[in-house]
Amino acid sequence: QFLRHKVMIIIFLGPSSGTLEMKPYNTDDAETYEIQTYPGTLVVLRPDILSHKHFSNGRSLAMSSFFLQGDRKPKRTKRSDKMVPAA
């Protein structure tokens, strides 16, 4: 699953603000990019390209979700039972 995640969404819930640091993998000469995060801030990033860390001086909660890349080979399954639509 972690090999397939391509897009990550993070929403910062607070109550404290913080700083999100991002830096590309495999590059020593790239500078770290910082974003100030406040309650309600939404960040969309590529976790397969960027390392990321969040820092906060106070209590800060964040919720994240991943969008996955589909399997390269479609799986074909045979279903003998028929699907009945929900009413």
C-alpha atoms as a PDB file:
ATOM      1  CA  GLN A   1       0.000   0.000   0.000  1.00  0.00           C
ATOM      2  CA  PHE A   2       2.757   2.489   0.848  1.00  0.00           C
ATOM      3  CA  LEU A   3       4.365   1.806  -2.513  1.00  0.00           C
ATOM      4  CA  ARG A   4       1.205   2.952  -4.276  1.00  0.00           C
ATOM      5  CA  HIS A   5       0.398   6.193  -2.446  1.00  0.00           C
ATOM      6  CA  LYS A   6       0.903   9.151  -4.764  1.00  0.00           C
ATOM      7  CA  VAL A   7      -1.043  12.006  -3.198  1.00  0.00           C
ATOM      8  CA  MET A   8      -1.407  12.825   0.496  1.00  0.00           C
ATOM      9  CA  ILE A   9      -3.866  15.289   1.980  1.00  0.00           C
ATOM     10  CA  ILE A  10      -3.267  16.656   5.481  1.00  0.00           C
ATOM     11  CA  ILE A  11      -5.734  18.853   7.342  1.00  0.00           C
ATOM     12  CA  PHE A  12      -4.451  20.527  10.480  1.00  0.00           C
ATOM     13  CA  LEU A  13      -7.076  20.611  13.220  1.00  0.00           C
ATOM     14  CA  GLY A  14      -5.254  22.639  15.877  1.00  0.00           C
ATOM     15  CA  PRO A  15      -5.745  24.014  18.388  1.00  0.00           C
ATOM     16  CA  SER A  16      -2.147  25.270  18.049  1.00  0.00           C
ATOM     17  CA  SER A  17      -0.403  26.407  14.886  1.00  0.00           C
ATOM     18  CA  GLY A  18       2.797  24.816  13.624  1.00  0.00           C
ATOM     19  CA  THR A  19       5.272  24.486  10.784  1.00  0.00           C
ATOM     20  CA  LEU A  20       5.316  21.846   8.061  1.00  0.00           C
ATOM     21  CA  GLU A  21       8.772  21.222   6.598  1.00  0.00           C
ATOM     22  CA  MET A  22       9.095  19.560   3.188  1.00  0.00           C
ATOM     23  CA  LYS A  23      12.216  18.535   1.294  1.00  0.00           C
ATOM     24  CA  PRO A  24      12.682  16.427  -1.852  1.00  0.00           C
ATOM     25  CA  TYR A  25      14.162  12.971  -1.371  1.00  0.00           C
ATOM     26  CA  ASN A  26      17.617  12.125  -2.782  1.00  0.00           C
ATOM     27  CA  THR A  27      18.787  15.726  -3.102  1.00  0.00           C
ATOM     28  CA  ASP A  28      21.350  17.134  -0.726  1.00  0.00           C
ATOM     29  CA  ASP A  29      21.436  20.599  -2.276  1.00  0.00           C
ATOM     30  CA  ALA A  30      17.671  21.318  -2.101  1.00  0.00           C
ATOM     31  CA  GLU A  31      16.475  23.712   0.568  1.00  0.00           C
ATOM     32  CA  THR A  32      13.745  22.834   3.026  1.00  0.00           C
ATOM     33  CA  TYR A  33      10.417  24.521   2.256  1.00  0.00           C
ATOM     34  CA  GLU A  34       8.357  25.567   5.271  1.00  0.00           C
ATOM     35  CA  ILE A  35       4.625  26.230   5.495  1.00  0.00           C
ATOM     36  CA  GLN A  36       2.972  27.777   8.533  1.00  0.00           C
ATOM     37  CA  THR A  37      -0.018  25.655   9.535  1.00  0.00           C
ATOM     38  CA  TYR A  38      -3.079  26.919  11.371  1.00  0.00           C
ATOM     39  CA  PRO A  39      -6.308  25.140  12.328  1.00  0.00           C
ATOM     40  CA  GLY A  40      -8.144  24.499   9.065  1.00  0.00           C
ATOM     41  CA  THR A  41      -5.033  24.519   6.851  1.00  0.00           C
ATOM     42  CA  LEU A  42      -5.225  21.886   4.107  1.00  0.00           C
ATOM     43  CA  VAL A  43      -2.033  20.682   2.400  1.00  0.00           C
ATOM     44  CA  VAL A  44      -1.821  18.419  -0.648  1.00  0.00           C
ATOM     45  CA  LEU A  45       1.604  16.869  -1.286  1.00  0.00           C
ATOM     46  CA  ARG A  46       3.384  14.014  -3.056  1.00  0.00           C
ATOM     47  CA  PRO A  47       4.774  11.757  -0.291  1.00  0.00           C
ATOM     48  CA  ASP A  48       6.690   9.661  -2.828  1.00  0.00           C
ATOM     49  CA  ILE A  49       8.745  12.750  -3.768  1.00  0.00           C
ATOM     50  CA  LEU A  50       8.799  14.895  -0.602  1.00  0.00           C
ATOM     51  CA  SER A  51       9.820  14.083   2.943  1.00  0.00           C
ATOM     52  CA  HIS A  52       7.694  15.996   5.422  1.00  0.00           C
ATOM     53  CA  LYS A  53       7.762  16.818   9.147  1.00  0.00           C
ATOM     54  CA  HIS A  54       5.387  18.857  11.279  1.00  0.00           C
ATOM     55  CA  PHE A  55       6.443  20.803  14.354  1.00  0.00           C
ATOM     56  CA  SER A  56       4.289  22.637  16.891  1.00  0.00           C
ATOM     57  CA  ASN A  57       5.067  24.265  20.227  1.00  0.00           C
ATOM     58  CA  GLY A  58       1.614  23.423  21.549  1.00  0.00           C
ATOM     59  CA  ARG A  59      -0.938  20.703  21.094  1.00  0.00           C
ATOM     60  CA  SER A  60      -1.710  20.209  17.435  1.00  0.00           C
ATOM     61  CA  LEU A  61      -3.689  17.458  15.732  1.00  0.00           C
ATOM     62  CA  ALA A  62      -3.637  16.575  12.056  1.00  0.00           C
ATOM     63  CA  MET A  63      -5.611  14.125   9.957  1.00  0.00           C
ATOM     64  CA  SER A  64      -4.236  12.639   6.747  1.00  0.00           C
ATOM     65  CA  SER A  65      -5.511  10.583   3.857  1.00  0.00           C
ATOM     66  CA  PHE A  66      -3.831   9.003   0.836  1.00  0.00           C
ATOM     67  CA  PHE A  67      -4.924   8.634  -2.755  1.00  0.00           C
ATOM     68  CA  LEU A  68      -3.499   5.403  -4.130  1.00  0.00           C
ATOM     69  CA  GLN A  69      -2.290   4.543  -7.596  1.00  0.00           C
ATOM     70  CA  GLY A  70      -4.245   1.646  -9.043  1.00  0.00           C
ATOM     71  CA  ASP A  71      -2.745  -1.768  -9.647  1.00  0.00           C
ATOM     72  CA  ARG A  72      -0.937  -2.028 -12.951  1.00  0.00           C
ATOM     73  CA  LYS A  73      -2.472  -5.422 -13.722  1.00  0.00           C
ATOM     74  CA  PRO A  74      -6.247  -5.554 -13.534  1.00  0.00           C
ATOM     75  CA  LYS A  75      -7.471  -8.469 -11.510  1.00  0.00           C
ATOM     76  CA  ARG A  76     -10.154 -10.490 -13.217  1.00  0.00           C
ATOM     77  CA  THR A  77     -12.418 -12.343 -10.924  1.00  0.00           C
ATOM     78  CA  LYS A  78     -15.354 -14.451 -11.857  1.00  0.00           C
ATOM     79  CA  ARG A  79     -18.448 -13.928  -9.817  1.00  0.00           C
ATOM     80  CA  SER A  80     -21.026 -16.626  -9.985  1.00  0.00           C
ATOM     81  CA  ASP A  81     -23.520 -14.791  -7.829  1.00  0.00           C
ATOM     82  CA  LYS A  82     -25.463 -11.867  -9.235  1.00  0.00           C
ATOM     83  CA  MET A  83     -25.354  -8.502  -7.542  1.00  0.00           C
ATOM     84  CA  VAL A  84     -28.686  -7.186  -6.305  1.00  0.00           C
ATOM     85  CA  PRO A  85     -28.992  -3.395  -6.204  1.00  0.00           C
ATOM     86  CA  ALA A  86     -29.786  -1.849  -2.846  1.00  0.00           C
ATOM     87  CA  ALA A  87     -33.299  -0.414  -2.504  1.00  0.00           C
END
